[in-house]
Amino acid sequence: MRALLPTATVCLLLSPLWSDSAAPQSPAAAPAAAASAAPATAAENDAAARHAKRTACVKKARAKKLLGDEKTTFIKECTSAP
């Protein structure tokens, strides 16, 4: 209980600092931030889609019990297919 009081006091004293960083941006700054984030989001989505497709191909290769070069070839063909 004694340790709780100083911890709570520090949290209350620091809370105004956190609220400044969580404040919404001005409307003029919002479109610029959204425009700069759009290409990164598209790249991240593409990377996530490739990863998901490769994961699915690896699972199929495991189900077929492929090993070595056969597994590698299967995964490459599977990921390149639409």
N, C-alpha and C. Protein backbone atom coordinates (compact mmCIF):
# COMPACT_ATOMS: atom_id res chain seq x y z
N MET A 1 0.83 -1.19 0.00
CA MET A 1 0.00 0.00 0.00
C MET A 1 0.87 1.25 0.00
N ARG A 2 1.97 1.21 0.72
CA ARG A 2 2.84 2.38 0.79
C ARG A 2 3.52 2.65 -0.55
N ALA A 3 3.84 1.61 -1.30
CA ALA A 3 4.47 1.80 -2.60
C ALA A 3 3.46 2.29 -3.63
N LEU A 4 2.20 2.04 -3.42
CA LEU A 4 1.17 2.43 -4.36
C LEU A 4 0.97 3.94 -4.39
N LEU A 5 1.06 4.60 -3.26
CA LEU A 5 0.84 6.04 -3.19
C LEU A 5 1.86 6.83 -4.01
N PRO A 6 3.17 6.59 -3.85
CA PRO A 6 4.13 7.34 -4.69
C PRO A 6 3.97 7.03 -6.18
N THR A 7 3.65 5.80 -6.51
CA THR A 7 3.46 5.43 -7.92
C THR A 7 2.26 6.16 -8.51
N ALA A 8 1.18 6.19 -7.78
CA ALA A 8 -0.01 6.89 -8.25
C ALA A 8 0.25 8.38 -8.38
N THR A 9 0.99 8.94 -7.45
CA THR A 9 1.31 10.37 -7.49
C THR A 9 2.13 10.71 -8.73
N VAL A 10 3.12 9.89 -9.01
CA VAL A 10 3.96 10.14 -10.19
C VAL A 10 3.12 10.03 -11.46
N CYS A 11 2.26 9.05 -11.54
CA CYS A 11 1.40 8.89 -12.72
C CYS A 11 0.49 10.10 -12.91
N LEU A 12 -0.07 10.60 -11.83
CA LEU A 12 -0.93 11.77 -11.92
C LEU A 12 -0.16 13.01 -12.33
N LEU A 13 1.06 13.16 -11.85
CA LEU A 13 1.87 14.32 -12.21
C LEU A 13 2.32 14.27 -13.67
N LEU A 14 2.53 13.08 -14.20
CA LEU A 14 2.99 12.95 -15.58
C LEU A 14 1.86 12.87 -16.59
N SER A 15 0.63 12.70 -16.16
CA SER A 15 -0.48 12.54 -17.08
C SER A 15 -0.68 13.73 -18.03
N PRO A 16 -0.43 14.98 -17.64
CA PRO A 16 -0.57 16.06 -18.63
C PRO A 16 0.42 15.95 -19.79
N LEU A 17 1.56 15.34 -19.56
CA LEU A 17 2.53 15.16 -20.64
C LEU A 17 2.02 14.17 -21.67
N TRP A 18 1.34 13.13 -21.24
CA TRP A 18 0.80 12.14 -22.16
C TRP A 18 -0.37 12.70 -22.96
N SER A 19 -1.16 13.55 -22.36
CA SER A 19 -2.34 14.07 -23.06
C SER A 19 -1.94 14.97 -24.22
N ASP A 20 -0.79 15.65 -24.16
CA ASP A 20 -0.34 16.48 -25.27
C ASP A 20 0.01 15.65 -26.49
N SER A 21 0.62 14.51 -26.29
CA SER A 21 0.99 13.68 -27.44
C SER A 21 -0.22 12.96 -28.03
N ALA A 22 -1.26 12.79 -27.24
CA ALA A 22 -2.45 12.10 -27.74
C ALA A 22 -3.47 13.07 -28.34
N ALA A 23 -3.20 14.37 -28.29
CA ALA A 23 -4.14 15.36 -28.81
C ALA A 23 -4.24 15.24 -30.33
N PRO A 24 -5.41 15.43 -30.90
CA PRO A 24 -5.56 15.33 -32.35
C PRO A 24 -4.80 16.44 -33.06
N GLN A 25 -4.34 16.13 -34.26
CA GLN A 25 -3.61 17.11 -35.05
C GLN A 25 -4.57 18.09 -35.68
N SER A 26 -4.02 19.19 -36.18
CA SER A 26 -4.86 20.17 -36.85
C SER A 26 -5.39 19.58 -38.16
N PRO A 27 -6.55 20.04 -38.64
CA PRO A 27 -7.10 19.49 -39.89
C PRO A 27 -6.18 19.66 -41.09
N ALA A 28 -5.37 20.71 -41.11
CA ALA A 28 -4.47 20.93 -42.24
C ALA A 28 -3.35 19.90 -42.26
N ALA A 29 -2.93 19.43 -41.11
CA ALA A 29 -1.83 18.47 -41.05
C ALA A 29 -2.32 17.05 -41.33
N ALA A 30 -3.58 16.76 -41.13
CA ALA A 30 -4.10 15.41 -41.29
C ALA A 30 -3.97 14.88 -42.73
N PRO A 31 -4.36 15.64 -43.80
CA PRO A 31 -4.21 15.09 -45.15
C PRO A 31 -2.75 14.83 -45.53
N ALA A 32 -1.84 15.68 -45.07
CA ALA A 32 -0.43 15.48 -45.38
C ALA A 32 0.08 14.20 -44.73
N ALA A 33 -0.33 13.95 -43.52
CA ALA A 33 0.09 12.74 -42.83
C ALA A 33 -0.51 11.51 -43.51
N ALA A 34 -1.75 11.60 -43.93
CA ALA A 34 -2.40 10.47 -44.60
C ALA A 34 -1.76 10.19 -45.96
N ALA A 35 -1.39 11.23 -46.68
CA ALA A 35 -0.78 11.06 -47.99
C ALA A 35 0.60 10.42 -47.88
N SER A 36 1.36 10.79 -46.86
CA SER A 36 2.68 10.21 -46.71
C SER A 36 2.60 8.77 -46.22
N ALA A 37 1.54 8.40 -45.52
CA ALA A 37 1.41 7.04 -45.00
C ALA A 37 0.86 6.08 -46.04
N ALA A 38 0.21 6.57 -47.08
CA ALA A 38 -0.43 5.70 -48.05
C ALA A 38 0.56 4.78 -48.79
N PRO A 39 1.69 5.27 -49.32
CA PRO A 39 2.60 4.35 -50.02
C PRO A 39 3.17 3.28 -49.09
N ALA A 40 3.50 3.64 -47.87
CA ALA A 40 4.05 2.66 -46.94
C ALA A 40 3.00 1.61 -46.62
N THR A 41 1.76 2.02 -46.50
CA THR A 41 0.69 1.08 -46.20
C THR A 41 0.51 0.10 -47.36
N ALA A 42 0.56 0.59 -48.59
CA ALA A 42 0.42 -0.28 -49.75
C ALA A 42 1.57 -1.28 -49.80
N ALA A 43 2.78 -0.83 -49.53
CA ALA A 43 3.93 -1.72 -49.53
C ALA A 43 3.80 -2.77 -48.42
N GLU A 44 3.32 -2.33 -47.27
CA GLU A 44 3.14 -3.26 -46.16
C GLU A 44 2.06 -4.29 -46.50
N ASN A 45 0.99 -3.83 -47.16
CA ASN A 45 -0.07 -4.76 -47.55
C ASN A 45 0.44 -5.79 -48.56
N ASP A 46 1.27 -5.34 -49.52
CA ASP A 46 1.84 -6.27 -50.49
C ASP A 46 2.73 -7.29 -49.81
N ALA A 47 3.55 -6.82 -48.88
CA ALA A 47 4.44 -7.73 -48.17
C ALA A 47 3.64 -8.73 -47.34
N ALA A 48 2.59 -8.26 -46.72
CA ALA A 48 1.75 -9.16 -45.91
C ALA A 48 1.06 -10.19 -46.79
N ALA A 49 0.61 -9.77 -47.97
CA ALA A 49 -0.05 -10.70 -48.88
C ALA A 49 0.94 -11.77 -49.38
N ARG A 50 2.16 -11.34 -49.71
CA ARG A 50 3.18 -12.30 -50.16
C ARG A 50 3.51 -13.30 -49.05
N HIS A 51 3.63 -12.78 -47.83
CA HIS A 51 3.94 -13.65 -46.70
C HIS A 51 2.82 -14.66 -46.47
N ALA A 52 1.59 -14.21 -46.54
CA ALA A 52 0.45 -15.12 -46.34
C ALA A 52 0.41 -16.18 -47.44
N LYS A 53 0.69 -15.78 -48.66
CA LYS A 53 0.67 -16.74 -49.77
C LYS A 53 1.79 -17.76 -49.61
N ARG A 54 2.98 -17.30 -49.22
CA ARG A 54 4.09 -18.22 -49.03
C ARG A 54 3.80 -19.18 -47.89
N THR A 55 3.22 -18.68 -46.82
CA THR A 55 2.86 -19.53 -45.69
C THR A 55 1.89 -20.62 -46.12
N ALA A 56 0.91 -20.25 -46.94
CA ALA A 56 -0.05 -21.23 -47.43
C ALA A 56 0.64 -22.28 -48.30
N CYS A 57 1.59 -21.84 -49.12
CA CYS A 57 2.32 -22.77 -49.98
C CYS A 57 3.18 -23.72 -49.16
N VAL A 58 3.79 -23.21 -48.11
CA VAL A 58 4.61 -24.06 -47.24
C VAL A 58 3.73 -25.11 -46.57
N LYS A 59 2.54 -24.72 -46.15
CA LYS A 59 1.62 -25.68 -45.53
C LYS A 59 1.20 -26.75 -46.52
N LYS A 60 0.97 -26.35 -47.78
CA LYS A 60 0.61 -27.34 -48.81
C LYS A 60 1.77 -28.30 -49.05
N ALA A 61 3.00 -27.76 -49.06
CA ALA A 61 4.17 -28.61 -49.27
C ALA A 61 4.32 -29.61 -48.12
N ARG A 62 4.04 -29.17 -46.91
CA ARG A 62 4.09 -30.07 -45.76
C ARG A 62 3.03 -31.16 -45.88
N ALA A 63 1.84 -30.76 -46.33
CA ALA A 63 0.75 -31.74 -46.47
C ALA A 63 1.11 -32.79 -47.51
N LYS A 64 1.82 -32.36 -48.56
CA LYS A 64 2.25 -33.31 -49.59
C LYS A 64 3.52 -34.06 -49.19
N LYS A 65 4.10 -33.67 -48.05
CA LYS A 65 5.32 -34.30 -47.51
C LYS A 65 6.49 -34.19 -48.48
N LEU A 66 6.65 -32.99 -49.06
CA LEU A 66 7.76 -32.75 -49.97
C LEU A 66 8.99 -32.37 -49.16
N LEU A 67 10.16 -32.75 -49.69
CA LEU A 67 11.42 -32.45 -49.02
C LEU A 67 12.44 -31.94 -50.03
N GLY A 68 13.40 -31.19 -49.54
CA GLY A 68 14.54 -30.76 -50.34
C GLY A 68 14.18 -29.92 -51.55
N ASP A 69 14.78 -30.31 -52.70
CA ASP A 69 14.59 -29.56 -53.94
C ASP A 69 13.14 -29.58 -54.41
N GLU A 70 12.44 -30.68 -54.17
CA GLU A 70 11.03 -30.76 -54.58
C GLU A 70 10.21 -29.71 -53.82
N LYS A 71 10.48 -29.59 -52.53
CA LYS A 71 9.76 -28.62 -51.71
C LYS A 71 10.07 -27.19 -52.17
N THR A 72 11.34 -26.91 -52.42
CA THR A 72 11.75 -25.58 -52.86
C THR A 72 11.10 -25.22 -54.19
N THR A 73 11.12 -26.14 -55.13
CA THR A 73 10.52 -25.92 -56.44
C THR A 73 9.01 -25.71 -56.32
N PHE A 74 8.38 -26.53 -55.51
CA PHE A 74 6.93 -26.39 -55.31
C PHE A 74 6.59 -25.03 -54.73
N ILE A 75 7.32 -24.58 -53.73
CA ILE A 75 7.04 -23.29 -53.08
C ILE A 75 7.25 -22.14 -54.07
N LYS A 76 8.31 -22.20 -54.87
CA LYS A 76 8.57 -21.15 -55.86
C LYS A 76 7.46 -21.09 -56.90
N GLU A 77 7.02 -22.24 -57.37
CA GLU A 77 5.94 -22.27 -58.36
C GLU A 77 4.63 -21.82 -57.76
N CYS A 78 4.39 -22.24 -56.53
CA CYS A 78 3.13 -21.90 -55.86
C CYS A 78 3.04 -20.39 -55.60
N THR A 79 4.14 -19.80 -55.18
CA THR A 79 4.10 -18.36 -54.87
C THR A 79 4.06 -17.50 -56.13
N SER A 80 4.57 -18.01 -57.24
CA SER A 80 4.54 -17.24 -58.48
C SER A 80 3.20 -17.34 -59.19
N ALA A 81 2.41 -18.34 -58.88
CA ALA A 81 1.08 -18.50 -59.49
C ALA A 81 0.14 -17.43 -58.96
N PRO A 82 -0.80 -16.99 -59.79
CA PRO A 82 -1.71 -15.92 -59.33
C PRO A 82 -2.67 -16.34 -58.25
